[in-house]
Protein backbone atom coordinates (compact mmCIF):
# COMPACT_ATOMS: atom_id res chain seq x y z
CA MET A 1 -0.03 -0.19 -0.21
CA ILE A 2 0.75 3.44 -0.68
CA LEU A 3 -0.20 7.29 0.30
CA MET A 4 0.01 9.62 -2.51
CA VAL A 5 -0.64 13.24 -1.35
CA GLY A 6 -1.43 16.02 -3.02
CA LEU A 7 -0.72 19.12 -1.19
CA GLY A 8 -3.08 22.55 -1.54
CA ASN A 9 -5.52 24.60 -0.23
CA PRO A 10 -9.35 23.23 -0.18
CA GLY A 11 -12.52 25.96 -1.66
CA ALA A 12 -12.54 27.13 -5.27
CA LYS A 13 -10.94 30.39 -4.41
CA TYR A 14 -7.71 28.34 -4.28
CA ALA A 15 -8.78 26.12 -7.06
CA GLY A 16 -5.95 27.16 -9.77
CA ASN A 17 -3.32 28.83 -7.51
CA ARG A 18 0.15 27.36 -7.99
CA HIS A 19 0.26 25.82 -4.56
CA ASN A 20 -2.36 23.40 -5.47
CA VAL A 21 -0.61 21.80 -8.28
CA GLY A 22 -0.39 19.04 -5.79
CA PHE A 23 -4.15 18.84 -5.82
CA MET A 24 -4.29 19.12 -9.78
CA ALA A 25 -1.54 15.87 -9.69
CA VAL A 26 -3.83 13.65 -8.18
CA ASP A 27 -7.14 14.76 -9.21
CA ARG A 28 -5.50 13.57 -12.43
CA ILE A 29 -4.42 10.29 -11.42
CA ALA A 30 -7.75 9.83 -10.12
CA ALA A 31 -9.49 10.46 -13.12
CA ASP A 32 -7.25 8.69 -15.57
CA HIS A 33 -6.24 5.60 -13.53
CA GLY A 34 -9.91 4.61 -12.60
CA PHE A 35 -9.83 5.26 -8.77
CA SER A 36 -12.60 5.28 -6.47
CA PRO A 37 -14.87 8.66 -5.96
CA TRP A 38 -13.11 11.42 -3.78
CA LYS A 39 -14.72 10.62 -0.08
CA PRO A 40 -14.42 12.74 3.22
CA ARG A 41 -11.46 11.05 4.98
CA PHE A 42 -8.58 11.32 7.26
CA GLN A 43 -9.40 15.00 7.64
CA GLY A 44 -9.41 15.05 3.88
CA LEU A 45 -10.76 13.80 0.48
CA ALA A 46 -9.47 10.26 -0.37
CA ALA A 47 -9.75 7.64 -3.28
CA GLU A 48 -8.54 4.81 -3.86
CA GLY A 49 -7.13 2.60 -6.76
CA ARG A 50 -4.13 0.77 -8.09
CA LEU A 51 -1.39 2.14 -10.22
CA GLY A 52 0.68 -1.11 -11.52
CA GLU A 53 0.87 -3.49 -9.14
CA SER A 54 0.59 -1.02 -6.06
CA ARG A 55 -2.87 -0.33 -4.08
CA VAL A 56 -3.07 3.28 -3.53
CA THR A 57 -4.71 5.64 -1.42
CA LEU A 58 -4.58 9.23 -2.67
CA LEU A 59 -5.33 12.07 -0.14
CA LYS A 60 -5.85 15.93 -0.82
CA PRO A 61 -6.06 17.16 3.15
CA GLN A 62 -8.38 20.00 3.75
CA GLY A 63 -7.46 21.46 6.30
CA TYR A 64 -5.07 24.21 4.78
CA MET A 65 -1.63 24.05 3.79
CA ASN A 66 -0.19 24.44 7.43
CA LEU A 67 -2.48 21.57 8.73
CA SER A 68 -1.29 18.95 6.09
CA GLY A 69 0.17 17.28 8.37
CA GLN A 70 -2.68 16.32 10.49
CA SER A 71 -4.24 14.57 7.31
CA VAL A 72 -1.27 12.64 6.09
CA GLY A 73 -0.34 11.55 10.01
CA GLU A 74 -3.99 9.90 10.78
CA ALA A 75 -3.97 8.05 7.41
CA MET A 76 -0.40 7.09 7.76
CA ARG A 77 -1.33 5.50 11.26
CA TYR A 78 -4.32 3.98 9.76
CA LEU A 79 -3.48 2.74 6.94
CA LYS A 80 -0.01 1.46 9.18
CA LEU A 81 2.29 2.58 6.73
CA THR A 82 5.90 4.14 7.35
CA PRO A 83 7.36 7.48 6.04
CA ALA A 84 9.09 5.38 3.37
CA GLU A 85 5.63 4.51 1.87
CA VAL A 86 4.34 7.70 1.84
CA VAL A 87 4.29 10.25 -1.18
CA VAL A 88 4.00 13.40 -1.46
CA LEU A 89 3.37 16.10 -4.46
CA HIS A 90 4.29 19.42 -3.81
CA ASP A 91 4.47 22.55 -5.43
CA GLU A 92 7.98 23.94 -5.10
CA LEU A 93 9.98 27.31 -5.99
CA ASP A 94 13.36 26.47 -6.72
CA LEU A 95 12.52 24.70 -10.17
CA ALA A 96 10.99 26.40 -13.35
CA PRO A 97 7.67 25.11 -13.92
CA GLY A 98 7.12 22.06 -15.66
CA VAL A 99 10.29 20.46 -14.13
CA CYS A 100 9.96 17.94 -11.76
CA ARG A 101 12.43 16.13 -9.59
CA LEU A 102 12.13 13.04 -6.94
CA LYS A 103 13.76 13.89 -3.27
CA THR A 104 13.36 11.49 0.13
CA GLY A 105 13.95 12.97 3.12
CA GLY A 106 15.58 16.36 3.78
CA GLY A 107 14.07 19.97 4.98
CA HIS A 108 10.87 21.58 4.19
CA ALA A 109 12.79 24.78 2.63
CA GLY A 110 10.17 27.03 4.45
CA HIS A 111 7.25 25.09 2.84
CA ASN A 112 4.29 25.22 4.91
CA GLY A 113 2.83 22.19 4.29
CA LEU A 114 6.14 20.37 4.50
CA ARG A 115 6.85 21.76 7.63
CA SER A 116 3.31 20.65 8.85
CA ILE A 117 4.45 16.88 8.09
CA HIS A 118 7.79 17.11 9.24
CA GLN A 119 6.37 17.54 12.42
CA HIS A 120 3.56 14.93 12.42
CA ILE A 121 5.50 11.76 10.59
CA GLY A 122 9.53 13.10 10.36
CA GLU A 123 11.22 13.37 7.16
CA GLY A 124 11.61 10.23 5.79
CA TYR A 125 8.75 10.34 3.11
CA ARG A 126 9.15 10.92 -0.54
CA ARG A 127 8.34 13.64 -2.61
CA LEU A 128 7.75 14.99 -6.01
CA ARG A 129 8.87 18.85 -6.36
CA ILE A 130 6.70 20.20 -8.93
CA GLY A 131 8.25 23.44 -10.31
CA ILE A 132 6.30 26.66 -10.33
CA GLY A 133 9.20 28.96 -10.70
CA HIS A 134 10.26 31.63 -8.45
CA PRO A 135 9.27 35.73 -8.60
CA GLY A 136 12.91 36.97 -8.00
CA HIS A 137 12.33 38.28 -4.75
CA LYS A 138 10.73 36.74 -1.50
CA ASP A 139 8.55 39.81 -0.79
CA ARG A 140 6.34 38.55 -3.70
CA VAL A 141 6.63 34.91 -3.06
CA THR A 142 3.02 34.84 -1.30
CA GLY A 143 1.70 36.49 -4.28
CA HIS A 144 3.25 33.81 -6.41
CA VAL A 145 2.05 30.79 -4.97
CA LEU A 146 -1.11 32.05 -4.39
CA SER A 147 -1.74 33.42 -8.09
CA ASP A 148 -3.40 30.83 -10.61
CA PHE A 149 -1.22 29.34 -13.22
CA ALA A 150 -1.27 32.00 -16.29
CA LYS A 151 -2.75 31.58 -19.73
CA ALA A 152 -0.05 31.26 -21.31
CA GLU A 153 1.27 28.60 -18.94
CA GLN A 154 -2.03 26.21 -19.50
CA PRO A 155 -0.64 24.22 -22.06
CA MET A 156 2.75 23.06 -20.13
CA LEU A 157 0.69 22.74 -17.28
CA GLU A 158 -1.68 20.24 -19.15
CA ASP A 159 1.30 18.37 -20.43
CA LEU A 160 2.94 18.41 -16.81
CA LEU A 161 0.05 17.05 -15.23
CA ARG A 162 -0.63 14.40 -17.52
CA GLY A 163 3.17 13.39 -17.74
CA ILE A 164 2.64 12.79 -14.10
CA SER A 165 -0.28 10.73 -14.60
CA ASP A 166 1.29 8.63 -16.83
CA GLY A 167 4.37 8.10 -14.74
CA ALA A 168 2.05 7.33 -11.65
CA ALA A 169 2.43 3.77 -11.28
CA ALA A 170 6.53 4.21 -11.65
CA LEU A 171 6.03 6.62 -9.15
CA ALA A 172 4.22 4.80 -6.86
CA ARG A 173 7.23 1.54 -7.19
CA GLY A 174 9.98 4.18 -6.60
CA ASP A 175 11.27 3.97 -10.36
CA GLY A 176 12.49 7.67 -10.63
CA ALA A 177 14.66 6.48 -13.91
CA ALA A 178 10.96 5.11 -15.76
CA PHE A 179 8.96 7.90 -13.89
CA GLY A 180 11.48 10.38 -15.64
CA THR A 181 11.24 8.87 -19.14
CA ALA A 182 6.65 9.16 -18.63
CA LEU A 183 7.30 12.82 -17.82
CA ALA A 184 9.87 13.62 -20.56
CA ALA A 185 7.56 12.07 -23.39
CA ARG A 186 4.97 14.77 -22.23
CA MET A 187 7.29 17.45 -21.86
CA THR A 188 9.83 16.93 -24.91
CA PRO A 189 8.00 18.45 -27.46
CA PRO A 190 8.94 15.78 -30.87
CA LYS A 191 10.90 16.98 -33.73
CA PRO A 192 9.61 17.87 -36.73
CA SER A 193 10.15 16.35 -39.48
CA ARG A 194 11.82 17.67 -42.42
CA PRO A 195 9.79 18.10 -45.61
CA ALA A 196 11.33 15.87 -48.88
CA ALA A 197 12.77 18.64 -51.33
CA PRO A 198 10.35 19.27 -54.62
CA PRO A 199 11.91 17.63 -57.40
CA VAL A 200 13.92 20.42 -59.57
CA GLN A 201 11.95 20.81 -62.41
CA ALA A 202 13.71 22.19 -65.51
CA ASP A 203 13.01 25.53 -67.06
CA PRO A 204 11.31 25.04 -70.43
CA ALA A 205 12.91 28.40 -71.55
CA LYS A 206 16.79 27.51 -70.94
CA ALA A 207 16.44 23.85 -72.39
CA THR A 208 18.89 23.27 -74.87
CA PRO A 209 16.99 22.15 -77.77
CA ALA A 210 17.79 18.86 -79.25
CA ALA A 211 19.47 19.20 -83.21
CA PRO A 212 16.52 17.66 -85.31
CA GLU A 213 17.55 14.32 -87.15
CA PRO A 214 18.22 14.75 -90.90
CA ARG A 215 15.72 13.65 -92.86
CA THR A 216 17.53 13.12 -96.30
CA MET A 217 21.07 10.78 -97.01
CA THR A 218 22.27 14.81 -98.59
CA ASP A 219 20.96 16.27 -95.17
CA ARG A 220 22.68 13.39 -93.07
CA LEU A 221 26.03 13.82 -95.05
CA LYS A 222 26.18 17.20 -94.33
CA SER A 223 25.57 17.43 -91.05
CA LEU A 224 28.38 14.76 -90.51
CA ALA A 225 30.75 16.72 -92.59
CA ASP A 226 29.89 19.50 -90.27
CA ARG A 227 30.70 17.66 -87.13
CA PHE A 228 34.30 17.15 -88.48
CA ARG A 229 35.04 19.98 -89.21
C-alpha cells in the first residue's frame, strides 16, 4: 500500500493557484486511472485504486496547507504505513515551471505543507517536487504561489499533469528513471520532420533544344561533315 498525497488549499478560491498543483496532480491521477470517487476521510478527501502492481490511497488534506500534516499523519497511522510508503506531491519554488524532481527526506525549505508533515511523521517520506518558478524576490513569494497559472502556461500545465499521471505507477513503486521517461515524453515536443525537397523542374526556356535528325541522305552527309570541321 502506498499513500500518495497532493498538497493544496481547499475551496474554489484556491483551485487554480500554483500552490495547488499537488491537488491538480492527484486529481488527474484519480481520473486517468479509474480510482474510486473522492470521499471525506482522514481530515481530507481520499480515493482508492491501483497504479500498476501497487494499491494506492490518494489523499488531499482539507485543513489548509499549514495543517496538512494532521491529515497525512492520521492516514499513515490508520493504513499502518511507514514514512517511506508516503509520497507527497507539492509545488516547488526552486524549480522552473514544468520541471519535476524526486527526493527522499531532507528539509522543508520553508514550505508550510512540508513543515506540517515533518512535525507529524518526520522527514523520511518521498516527495515529487513540481516546479512553479520563483518570482525573483522573497517579498513576492506569497502573491506568486497564491496566484493562478497564467493562460499562456496552461498548455505546459496540461502536459505536466498528463506526464505525472503517465508515470504514476513508476512513482508509486519508486522507479525514478521510468517516471522521468514518462514525464519527458509529454514535456519534450517531438522534432518536426523535414519535408522532402521538391523535384527540380527544368526550365523549358533554358533547355538546349535537341538538334533535328537529318531527314535525307544529303542532309545526313552534310551533318556528318559539319561534325568533323
